Amino acid sequence: MCLGVPGKVLSINGLEAEVDFFGVTKQLRLDIVDAPVAVGDYVLNHVGFAIRRIPHDEAQGTLALFEQILKDAREGDVMAEEVRAELQSAPTVAKKEGA
């Protein structure tokens, strides 16, 4: 299964963006995203790349669905495992001292 997880862009530096996924900040590449991205936009993540900018309301619906999947997941739940794997696929951004 191939799953893309939406995240909110926190900052952009060239072709890299810091993106928030359920409170975890990941570094994503912007090389292949389908439209220009700005801070505050939501993007769809796939293995460390932003592949699509998505409308805010669409992102909110998808995030709510993923939150429910993770909340209700039982041992061996394939969908929950896919969501977790996708969240872990991009490098985590190191927290800055004093943050």
PDB file of N, CA and C in Angstrom:
ATOM      1  N   MET A   1       0.854  -1.171   0.000  1.00  0.00           N
ATOM      2  CA  MET A   1       0.000   0.000   0.000  1.00  0.00           C
ATOM      3  C   MET A   1       0.898   1.232   0.000  1.00  0.00           C
ATOM      4  N   CYS A   2       0.476   2.249  -0.659  1.00  0.00           N
ATOM      5  CA  CYS A   2       1.204   3.505  -0.711  1.00  0.00           C
ATOM      6  C   CYS A   2       0.319   4.577  -0.090  1.00  0.00           C
ATOM      7  N   LEU A   3       0.832   5.282   0.890  1.00  0.00           N
ATOM      8  CA  LEU A   3       0.021   6.212   1.653  1.00  0.00           C
ATOM      9  C   LEU A   3       0.740   7.541   1.781  1.00  0.00           C
ATOM     10  N   GLY A   4       0.055   8.633   1.513  1.00  0.00           N
ATOM     11  CA  GLY A   4       0.611   9.959   1.705  1.00  0.00           C
ATOM     12  C   GLY A   4      -0.029  10.609   2.923  1.00  0.00           C
ATOM     13  N   VAL A   5       0.775  11.251   3.751  1.00  0.00           N
ATOM     14  CA  VAL A   5       0.292  11.867   4.983  1.00  0.00           C
ATOM     15  C   VAL A   5       0.409  13.379   4.864  1.00  0.00           C
ATOM     16  N   PRO A   6      -0.676  14.123   5.155  1.00  0.00           N
ATOM     17  CA  PRO A   6      -0.594  15.578   5.082  1.00  0.00           C
ATOM     18  C   PRO A   6       0.098  16.181   6.302  1.00  0.00           C
ATOM     19  N   GLY A   7       0.847  17.244   6.057  1.00  0.00           N
ATOM     20  CA  GLY A   7       1.500  17.974   7.136  1.00  0.00           C
ATOM     21  C   GLY A   7       1.495  19.458   6.827  1.00  0.00           C
ATOM     22  N   LYS A   8       1.645  20.265   7.867  1.00  0.00           N
ATOM     23  CA  LYS A   8       1.622  21.718   7.728  1.00  0.00           C
ATOM     24  C   LYS A   8       3.046  22.259   7.641  1.00  0.00           C
ATOM     25  N   VAL A   9       3.302  23.068   6.620  1.00  0.00           N
ATOM     26  CA  VAL A   9       4.622  23.643   6.395  1.00  0.00           C
ATOM     27  C   VAL A   9       4.883  24.729   7.447  1.00  0.00           C
ATOM     28  N   LEU A  10       5.983  24.555   8.191  1.00  0.00           N
ATOM     29  CA  LEU A  10       6.362  25.507   9.227  1.00  0.00           C
ATOM     30  C   LEU A  10       7.388  26.515   8.739  1.00  0.00           C
ATOM     31  N   SER A  11       8.316  26.043   7.896  1.00  0.00           N
ATOM     32  CA  SER A  11       9.337  26.936   7.350  1.00  0.00           C
ATOM     33  C   SER A  11       9.866  26.333   6.058  1.00  0.00           C
ATOM     34  N   ILE A  12      10.453  27.208   5.238  1.00  0.00           N
ATOM     35  CA  ILE A  12      11.018  26.776   3.956  1.00  0.00           C
ATOM     36  C   ILE A  12      12.411  27.366   3.820  1.00  0.00           C
ATOM     37  N   ASN A  13      13.340  26.525   3.352  1.00  0.00           N
ATOM     38  CA  ASN A  13      14.704  26.967   3.079  1.00  0.00           C
ATOM     39  C   ASN A  13      15.101  26.349   1.745  1.00  0.00           C
ATOM     40  N   GLY A  14      14.953  27.107   0.676  1.00  0.00           N
ATOM     41  CA  GLY A  14      15.259  26.594  -0.660  1.00  0.00           C
ATOM     42  C   GLY A  14      14.295  25.491  -1.048  1.00  0.00           C
ATOM     43  N   LEU A  15      14.826  24.296  -1.275  1.00  0.00           N
ATOM     44  CA  LEU A  15      13.996  23.159  -1.674  1.00  0.00           C
ATOM     45  C   LEU A  15      13.709  22.218  -0.508  1.00  0.00           C
ATOM     46  N   GLU A  16      13.876  22.720   0.714  1.00  0.00           N
ATOM     47  CA  GLU A  16      13.564  21.927   1.892  1.00  0.00           C
ATOM     48  C   GLU A  16      12.575  22.679   2.764  1.00  0.00           C
ATOM     49  N   ALA A  17      11.709  21.916   3.404  1.00  0.00           N
ATOM     50  CA  ALA A  17      10.713  22.517   4.290  1.00  0.00           C
ATOM     51  C   ALA A  17      10.642  21.731   5.585  1.00  0.00           C
ATOM     52  N   GLU A  18      10.444  22.445   6.684  1.00  0.00           N
ATOM     53  CA  GLU A  18      10.118  21.802   7.944  1.00  0.00           C
ATOM     54  C   GLU A  18       8.604  21.705   7.989  1.00  0.00           C
ATOM     55  N   VAL A  19       8.116  20.494   8.219  1.00  0.00           N
ATOM     56  CA  VAL A  19       6.688  20.220   8.149  1.00  0.00           C
ATOM     57  C   VAL A  19       6.247  19.497   9.415  1.00  0.00           C
ATOM     58  N   ASP A  20       5.120  19.921   9.978  1.00  0.00           N
ATOM     59  CA  ASP A  20       4.578  19.323  11.197  1.00  0.00           C
ATOM     60  C   ASP A  20       3.594  18.213  10.854  1.00  0.00           C
ATOM     61  N   PHE A  21       3.849  17.011  11.415  1.00  0.00           N
ATOM     62  CA  PHE A  21       2.960  15.861  11.285  1.00  0.00           C
ATOM     63  C   PHE A  21       2.585  15.403  12.680  1.00  0.00           C
ATOM     64  N   PHE A  22       1.381  15.707  13.095  1.00  0.00           N
ATOM     65  CA  PHE A  22       0.892  15.247  14.399  1.00  0.00           C
ATOM     66  C   PHE A  22       1.862  15.627  15.523  1.00  0.00           C
ATOM     67  N   GLY A  23       2.448  16.830  15.445  1.00  0.00           N
ATOM     68  CA  GLY A  23       3.357  17.299  16.484  1.00  0.00           C
ATOM     69  C   GLY A  23       4.801  16.884  16.299  1.00  0.00           C
ATOM     70  N   VAL A  24       5.099  16.112  15.258  1.00  0.00           N
ATOM     71  CA  VAL A  24       6.465  15.709  14.950  1.00  0.00           C
ATOM     72  C   VAL A  24       6.915  16.503  13.731  1.00  0.00           C
ATOM     73  N   THR A  25       8.051  17.192  13.864  1.00  0.00           N
ATOM     74  CA  THR A  25       8.554  18.010  12.769  1.00  0.00           C
ATOM     75  C   THR A  25       9.519  17.199  11.921  1.00  0.00           C
ATOM     76  N   LYS A  26       9.236  17.156  10.619  1.00  0.00           N
ATOM     77  CA  LYS A  26      10.053  16.412   9.661  1.00  0.00           C
ATOM     78  C   LYS A  26      10.575  17.365   8.599  1.00  0.00           C
ATOM     79  N   GLN A  27      11.707  16.995   8.020  1.00  0.00           N
ATOM     80  CA  GLN A  27      12.300  17.736   6.911  1.00  0.00           C
ATOM     81  C   GLN A  27      11.836  17.069   5.613  1.00  0.00           C
ATOM     82  N   LEU A  28      11.205  17.816   4.722  1.00  0.00           N
ATOM     83  CA  LEU A  28      10.759  17.292   3.431  1.00  0.00           C
ATOM     84  C   LEU A  28      11.437  18.039   2.298  1.00  0.00           C
ATOM     85  N   ARG A  29      11.636  17.352   1.208  1.00  0.00           N
ATOM     86  CA  ARG A  29      12.134  17.967  -0.026  1.00  0.00           C
ATOM     87  C   ARG A  29      10.934  18.500  -0.808  1.00  0.00           C
ATOM     88  N   LEU A  30      11.158  19.613  -1.511  1.00  0.00           N
ATOM     89  CA  LEU A  30      10.102  20.244  -2.307  1.00  0.00           C
ATOM     90  C   LEU A  30      10.350  20.113  -3.810  1.00  0.00           C
ATOM     91  N   ASP A  31      11.297  19.283  -4.205  1.00  0.00           N
ATOM     92  CA  ASP A  31      11.690  19.153  -5.614  1.00  0.00           C
ATOM     93  C   ASP A  31      10.540  18.777  -6.545  1.00  0.00           C
ATOM     94  N   ILE A  32       9.628  17.932  -6.085  1.00  0.00           N
ATOM     95  CA  ILE A  32       8.629  17.368  -6.996  1.00  0.00           C
ATOM     96  C   ILE A  32       7.190  17.770  -6.677  1.00  0.00           C
ATOM     97  N   VAL A  33       7.017  18.675  -5.731  1.00  0.00           N
ATOM     98  CA  VAL A  33       5.655  19.095  -5.372  1.00  0.00           C
ATOM     99  C   VAL A  33       4.971  19.732  -6.583  1.00  0.00           C
ATOM    100  N   ASP A  34       3.656  19.560  -6.672  1.00  0.00           N
ATOM    101  CA  ASP A  34       2.903  19.959  -7.868  1.00  0.00           C
ATOM    102  C   ASP A  34       2.614  21.450  -8.007  1.00  0.00           C
ATOM    103  N   ALA A  35       2.840  22.235  -6.955  1.00  0.00           N
ATOM    104  CA  ALA A  35       2.546  23.670  -6.986  1.00  0.00           C
ATOM    105  C   ALA A  35       3.456  24.377  -5.988  1.00  0.00           C
ATOM    106  N   PRO A  36       3.665  25.675  -6.169  1.00  0.00           N
ATOM    107  CA  PRO A  36       4.485  26.415  -5.194  1.00  0.00           C
ATOM    108  C   PRO A  36       3.904  26.269  -3.784  1.00  0.00           C
ATOM    109  N   VAL A  37       4.791  26.197  -2.803  1.00  0.00           N
ATOM    110  CA  VAL A  37       4.405  25.976  -1.411  1.00  0.00           C
ATOM    111  C   VAL A  37       4.847  27.162  -0.573  1.00  0.00           C
ATOM    112  N   ALA A  38       3.982  27.569   0.360  1.00  0.00           N
ATOM    113  CA  ALA A  38       4.290  28.664   1.280  1.00  0.00           C
ATOM    114  C   ALA A  38       4.109  28.176   2.712  1.00  0.00           C
ATOM    115  N   VAL A  39       4.723  28.874   3.648  1.00  0.00           N
ATOM    116  CA  VAL A  39       4.532  28.574   5.064  1.00  0.00           C
ATOM    117  C   VAL A  39       3.038  28.632   5.369  1.00  0.00           C
ATOM    118  N   GLY A  40       2.557  27.631   6.091  1.00  0.00           N
ATOM    119  CA  GLY A  40       1.137  27.542   6.429  1.00  0.00           C
ATOM    120  C   GLY A  40       0.350  26.625   5.506  1.00  0.00           C
ATOM    121  N   ASP A  41       0.916  26.307   4.340  1.00  0.00           N
ATOM    122  CA  ASP A  41       0.264  25.367   3.423  1.00  0.00           C
ATOM    123  C   ASP A  41       0.354  23.955   3.975  1.00  0.00           C
ATOM    124  N   TYR A  42      -0.537  23.111   3.499  1.00  0.00           N
ATOM    125  CA  TYR A  42      -0.463  21.684   3.781  1.00  0.00           C
ATOM    126  C   TYR A  42       0.045  20.981   2.549  1.00  0.00           C
ATOM    127  N   VAL A  43       0.918  19.995   2.784  1.00  0.00           N
ATOM    128  CA  VAL A  43       1.465  19.197   1.688  1.00  0.00           C
ATOM    129  C   VAL A  43       1.288  17.726   2.020  1.00  0.00           C
ATOM    130  N   LEU A  44       1.273  16.941   0.980  1.00  0.00           N
ATOM    131  CA  LEU A  44       1.189  15.497   1.127  1.00  0.00           C
ATOM    132  C   LEU A  44       2.598  14.934   1.077  1.00  0.00           C
ATOM    133  N   ASN A  45       2.971  14.171   2.091  1.00  0.00           N
ATOM    134  CA  ASN A  45       4.297  13.585   2.210  1.00  0.00           C
ATOM    135  C   ASN A  45       4.294  12.167   1.668  1.00  0.00           C
ATOM    136  N   HIS A  46       5.322  11.874   0.913  1.00  0.00           N
ATOM    137  CA  HIS A  46       5.566  10.482   0.539  1.00  0.00           C
ATOM    138  C   HIS A  46       7.070  10.256   0.562  1.00  0.00           C
ATOM    139  N   VAL A  47       7.506   9.387   1.460  1.00  0.00           N
ATOM    140  CA  VAL A  47       8.912   9.029   1.670  1.00  0.00           C
ATOM    141  C   VAL A  47       9.864  10.227   1.657  1.00  0.00           C
ATOM    142  N   GLY A  48       9.510  11.267   2.381  1.00  0.00           N
ATOM    143  CA  GLY A  48      10.398  12.405   2.543  1.00  0.00           C
ATOM    144  C   GLY A  48      10.278  13.497   1.499  1.00  0.00           C
ATOM    145  N   PHE A  49       9.331  13.352   0.590  1.00  0.00           N
ATOM    146  CA  PHE A  49       9.096  14.364  -0.440  1.00  0.00           C
ATOM    147  C   PHE A  49       7.670  14.896  -0.336  1.00  0.00           C
ATOM    148  N   ALA A  50       7.538  16.212  -0.459  1.00  0.00           N
ATOM    149  CA  ALA A  50       6.210  16.800  -0.617  1.00  0.00           C
ATOM    150  C   ALA A  50       5.815  16.533  -2.066  1.00  0.00           C
ATOM    151  N   ILE A  51       4.697  15.823  -2.265  1.00  0.00           N
ATOM    152  CA  ILE A  51       4.303  15.469  -3.627  1.00  0.00           C
ATOM    153  C   ILE A  51       3.117  16.280  -4.127  1.00  0.00           C
ATOM    154  N   ARG A  52       2.392  16.908  -3.191  1.00  0.00           N
ATOM    155  CA  ARG A  52       1.214  17.663  -3.605  1.00  0.00           C
ATOM    156  C   ARG A  52       0.848  18.666  -2.525  1.00  0.00           C
ATOM    157  N   ARG A  53       0.529  19.878  -2.938  1.00  0.00           N
ATOM    158  CA  ARG A  53      -0.037  20.852  -2.004  1.00  0.00           C
ATOM    159  C   ARG A  53      -1.526  20.566  -1.936  1.00  0.00           C
ATOM    160  N   ILE A  54      -2.083  20.555  -0.743  1.00  0.00           N
ATOM    161  CA  ILE A  54      -3.499  20.222  -0.612  1.00  0.00           C
ATOM    162  C   ILE A  54      -4.248  21.333   0.107  1.00  0.00           C
ATOM    163  N   PRO A  55      -5.515  21.536  -0.281  1.00  0.00           N
ATOM    164  CA  PRO A  55      -6.327  22.575   0.359  1.00  0.00           C
ATOM    165  C   PRO A  55      -6.490  22.311   1.857  1.00  0.00           C
ATOM    166  N   HIS A  56      -6.561  23.388   2.626  1.00  0.00           N
ATOM    167  CA  HIS A  56      -6.664  23.308   4.081  1.00  0.00           C
ATOM    168  C   HIS A  56      -7.815  22.403   4.522  1.00  0.00           C
ATOM    169  N   ASP A  57      -9.003  22.556   3.943  1.00  0.00           N
ATOM    170  CA  ASP A  57     -10.153  21.757   4.384  1.00  0.00           C
ATOM    171  C   ASP A  57      -9.967  20.273   4.062  1.00  0.00           C
ATOM    172  N   GLU A  58      -9.353  19.968   2.940  1.00  0.00           N
ATOM    173  CA  GLU A  58      -9.067  18.576   2.592  1.00  0.00           C
ATOM    174  C   GLU A  58      -8.058  17.991   3.578  1.00  0.00           C
ATOM    175  N   ALA A  59      -7.050  18.774   3.924  1.00  0.00           N
ATOM    176  CA  ALA A  59      -6.032  18.320   4.877  1.00  0.00           C
ATOM    177  C   ALA A  59      -6.663  18.032   6.233  1.00  0.00           C
ATOM    178  N   GLN A  60      -7.549  18.901   6.684  1.00  0.00           N
ATOM    179  CA  GLN A  60      -8.184  18.716   7.993  1.00  0.00           C
ATOM    180  C   GLN A  60      -8.990  17.420   8.042  1.00  0.00           C
ATOM    181  N   GLY A  61      -9.727  17.131   6.981  1.00  0.00           N
ATOM    182  CA  GLY A  61     -10.506  15.893   6.926  1.00  0.00           C
ATOM    183  C   GLY A  61      -9.617  14.666   6.947  1.00  0.00           C
ATOM    184  N   THR A  62      -8.528  14.708   6.196  1.00  0.00           N
ATOM    185  CA  THR A  62      -7.603  13.582   6.142  1.00  0.00           C
ATOM    186  C   THR A  62      -6.890  13.401   7.481  1.00  0.00           C
ATOM    187  N   LEU A  63      -6.464  14.501   8.097  1.00  0.00           N
ATOM    188  CA  LEU A  63      -5.797  14.412   9.397  1.00  0.00           C
ATOM    189  C   LEU A  63      -6.725  13.821  10.451  1.00  0.00           C
ATOM    190  N   ALA A  64      -7.987  14.225  10.425  1.00  0.00           N
ATOM    191  CA  ALA A  64      -8.960  13.679  11.380  1.00  0.00           C
ATOM    192  C   ALA A  64      -9.123  12.172  11.175  1.00  0.00           C
ATOM    193  N   LEU A  65      -9.167  11.745   9.921  1.00  0.00           N
ATOM    194  CA  LEU A  65      -9.280  10.321   9.618  1.00  0.00           C
ATOM    195  C   LEU A  65      -8.057   9.562  10.127  1.00  0.00           C
ATOM    196  N   PHE A  66      -6.854  10.077   9.862  1.00  0.00           N
ATOM    197  CA  PHE A  66      -5.637   9.406  10.320  1.00  0.00           C
ATOM    198  C   PHE A  66      -5.569   9.369  11.842  1.00  0.00           C
ATOM    199  N   GLU A  67      -5.955  10.444  12.503  1.00  0.00           N
ATOM    200  CA  GLU A  67      -5.971  10.457  13.965  1.00  0.00           C
ATOM    201  C   GLU A  67      -6.882   9.361  14.500  1.00  0.00           C
ATOM    202  N   GLN A  68      -8.044   9.191  13.870  1.00  0.00           N
ATOM    203  CA  GLN A  68      -8.980   8.154  14.293  1.00  0.00           C
ATOM    204  C   GLN A  68      -8.398   6.766  14.058  1.00  0.00           C
ATOM    205  N   ILE A  69      -7.750   6.574  12.915  1.00  0.00           N
ATOM    206  CA  ILE A  69      -7.121   5.286  12.615  1.00  0.00           C
ATOM    207  C   ILE A  69      -6.073   4.948  13.674  1.00  0.00           C
ATOM    208  N   LEU A  70      -5.224   5.909  14.012  1.00  0.00           N
ATOM    209  CA  LEU A  70      -4.176   5.668  15.004  1.00  0.00           C
ATOM    210  C   LEU A  70      -4.764   5.445  16.394  1.00  0.00           C
ATOM    211  N   LYS A  71      -5.819   6.168  16.718  1.00  0.00           N
ATOM    212  CA  LYS A  71      -6.459   6.044  18.028  1.00  0.00           C
ATOM    213  C   LYS A  71      -7.100   4.669  18.195  1.00  0.00           C
ATOM    214  N   ASP A  72      -7.756   4.179  17.151  1.00  0.00           N
ATOM    215  CA  ASP A  72      -8.505   2.927  17.225  1.00  0.00           C
ATOM    216  C   ASP A  72      -7.675   1.690  16.865  1.00  0.00           C
ATOM    217  N   ALA A  73      -6.420   1.889  16.504  1.00  0.00           N
ATOM    218  CA  ALA A  73      -5.589   0.787  16.008  1.00  0.00           C
ATOM    219  C   ALA A  73      -5.385  -0.288  17.062  1.00  0.00           C
ATOM    220  N   ARG A  74      -5.458  -1.515  16.576  1.00  0.00           N
ATOM    221  CA  ARG A  74      -5.145  -2.674  17.400  1.00  0.00           C
ATOM    222  C   ARG A  74      -3.834  -3.267  16.896  1.00  0.00           C
ATOM    223  N   GLU A  75      -3.272  -4.156  17.661  1.00  0.00           N
ATOM    224  CA  GLU A  75      -2.045  -4.853  17.281  1.00  0.00           C
ATOM    225  C   GLU A  75      -2.189  -5.441  15.881  1.00  0.00           C
ATOM    226  N   GLY A  76      -1.215  -5.146  15.001  1.00  0.00           N
ATOM    227  CA  GLY A  76      -1.233  -5.703  13.653  1.00  0.00           C
ATOM    228  C   GLY A  76      -2.118  -4.970  12.663  1.00  0.00           C
ATOM    229  N   ASP A  77      -2.672  -3.830  13.042  1.00  0.00           N
ATOM    230  CA  ASP A  77      -3.538  -3.053  12.144  1.00  0.00           C
ATOM    231  C   ASP A  77      -2.699  -2.515  10.985  1.00  0.00           C
ATOM    232  N   VAL A  78      -2.937  -3.032   9.790  1.00  0.00           N
ATOM    233  CA  VAL A  78      -2.134  -2.699   8.620  1.00  0.00           C
ATOM    234  C   VAL A  78      -2.225  -1.211   8.278  1.00  0.00           C
ATOM    235  N   MET A  79      -3.407  -0.635   8.315  1.00  0.00           N
ATOM    236  CA  MET A  79      -3.566   0.779   7.968  1.00  0.00           C
ATOM    237  C   MET A  79      -2.808   1.666   8.953  1.00  0.00           C
ATOM    238  N   ALA A  80      -2.927   1.389  10.242  1.00  0.00           N
ATOM    239  CA  ALA A  80      -2.203   2.174  11.250  1.00  0.00           C
ATOM    240  C   ALA A  80      -0.694   2.019  11.063  1.00  0.00           C
ATOM    241  N   GLU A  81      -0.239   0.815  10.731  1.00  0.00           N
ATOM    242  CA  GLU A  81       1.183   0.599  10.477  1.00  0.00           C
ATOM    243  C   GLU A  81       1.661   1.411   9.282  1.00  0.00           C
ATOM    244  N   GLU A  82       0.839   1.522   8.250  1.00  0.00           N
ATOM    245  CA  GLU A  82       1.187   2.325   7.071  1.00  0.00           C
ATOM    246  C   GLU A  82       1.286   3.803   7.431  1.00  0.00           C
ATOM    247  N   VAL A  83       0.340   4.308   8.230  1.00  0.00           N
ATOM    248  CA  VAL A  83       0.374   5.708   8.655  1.00  0.00           C
ATOM    249  C   VAL A  83       1.656   5.963   9.447  1.00  0.00           C
ATOM    250  N   ARG A  84       1.955   5.107  10.398  1.00  0.00           N
ATOM    251  CA  ARG A  84       3.171   5.273  11.205  1.00  0.00           C
ATOM    252  C   ARG A  84       4.432   5.203  10.342  1.00  0.00           C
ATOM    253  N   ALA A  85       4.472   4.254   9.416  1.00  0.00           N
ATOM    254  CA  ALA A  85       5.646   4.113   8.549  1.00  0.00           C
ATOM    255  C   ALA A  85       5.857   5.359   7.700  1.00  0.00           C
ATOM    256  N   GLU A  86       4.783   5.916   7.182  1.00  0.00           N
ATOM    257  CA  GLU A  86       4.902   7.115   6.352  1.00  0.00           C
ATOM    258  C   GLU A  86       5.384   8.294   7.191  1.00  0.00           C
ATOM    259  N   LEU A  87       4.896   8.411   8.418  1.00  0.00           N
ATOM    260  CA  LEU A  87       5.339   9.489   9.301  1.00  0.00           C
ATOM    261  C   LEU A  87       6.822   9.355   9.637  1.00  0.00           C
ATOM    262  N   GLN A  88       7.324   8.141   9.689  1.00  0.00           N
ATOM    263  CA  GLN A  88       8.717   7.912  10.037  1.00  0.00           C
ATOM    264  C   GLN A  88       9.656   7.978   8.837  1.00  0.00           C
ATOM    265  N   SER A  89       9.127   8.058   7.635  1.00  0.00           N
ATOM    266  CA  SER A  89       9.964   7.968   6.430  1.00  0.00           C
ATOM    267  C   SER A  89      10.836   9.193   6.190  1.00  0.00           C
ATOM    268  N   ALA A  90      10.419  10.358   6.632  1.00  0.00           N
ATOM    269  CA  ALA A  90      11.202  11.572   6.443  1.00  0.00           C
ATOM    270  C   ALA A  90      12.052  11.800   7.691  1.00  0.00           C
ATOM    271  N   PRO A  91      13.215  12.434   7.527  1.00  0.00           N
ATOM    272  CA  PRO A  91      14.063  12.685   8.695  1.00  0.00           C
ATOM    273  C   PRO A  91      13.379  13.632   9.679  1.00  0.00           C
ATOM    274  N   THR A  92      13.535  13.327  10.971  1.00  0.00           N
ATOM    275  CA  THR A  92      13.007  14.199  12.016  1.00  0.00           C
ATOM    276  C   THR A  92      13.948  15.382  12.167  1.00  0.00           C
ATOM    277  N   VAL A  93      13.366  16.560  12.330  1.00  0.00           N
ATOM    278  CA  VAL A  93      14.158  17.768  12.534  1.00  0.00           C
ATOM    279  C   VAL A  93      14.583  17.827  13.995  1.00  0.00           C
ATOM    280  N   ALA A  94      15.862  18.028  14.222  1.00  0.00           N
ATOM    281  CA  ALA A  94      16.384  18.133  15.593  1.00  0.00           C
ATOM    282  C   ALA A  94      15.818  19.378  16.261  1.00  0.00           C
ATOM    283  N   LYS A  95      15.412  19.226  17.514  1.00  0.00           N
ATOM    284  CA  LYS A  95      14.895  20.382  18.242  1.00  0.00           C
ATOM    285  C   LYS A  95      16.031  21.318  18.559  1.00  0.00           C
ATOM    286  N   LYS A  96      15.749  22.626  18.437  1.00  0.00           N
ATOM    287  CA  LYS A  96      16.745  23.642  18.740  1.00  0.00           C
ATOM    288  C   LYS A  96      16.832  23.830  20.251  1.00  0.00           C
ATOM    289  N   GLU A  97      18.042  24.120  20.734  1.00  0.00           N
ATOM    290  CA  GLU A  97      18.219  24.352  22.158  1.00  0.00           C
ATOM    291  C   GLU A  97      17.353  25.532  22.599  1.00  0.00           C
ATOM    292  N   GLY A  98      16.733  25.362  23.764  1.00  0.00           N
ATOM    293  CA  GLY A  98      15.878  26.406  24.307  1.00  0.00           C
ATOM    294  C   GLY A  98      14.475  26.376  23.732  1.00  0.00           C
ATOM    295  N   ALA A  99      14.197  25.444  22.832  1.00  0.00           N
ATOM    296  CA  ALA A  99      12.856  25.346  22.237  1.00  0.00           C
ATOM    297  C   ALA A  99      12.028  24.348  22.978  1.00  0.00           C
TER     298      ALA A  99
END
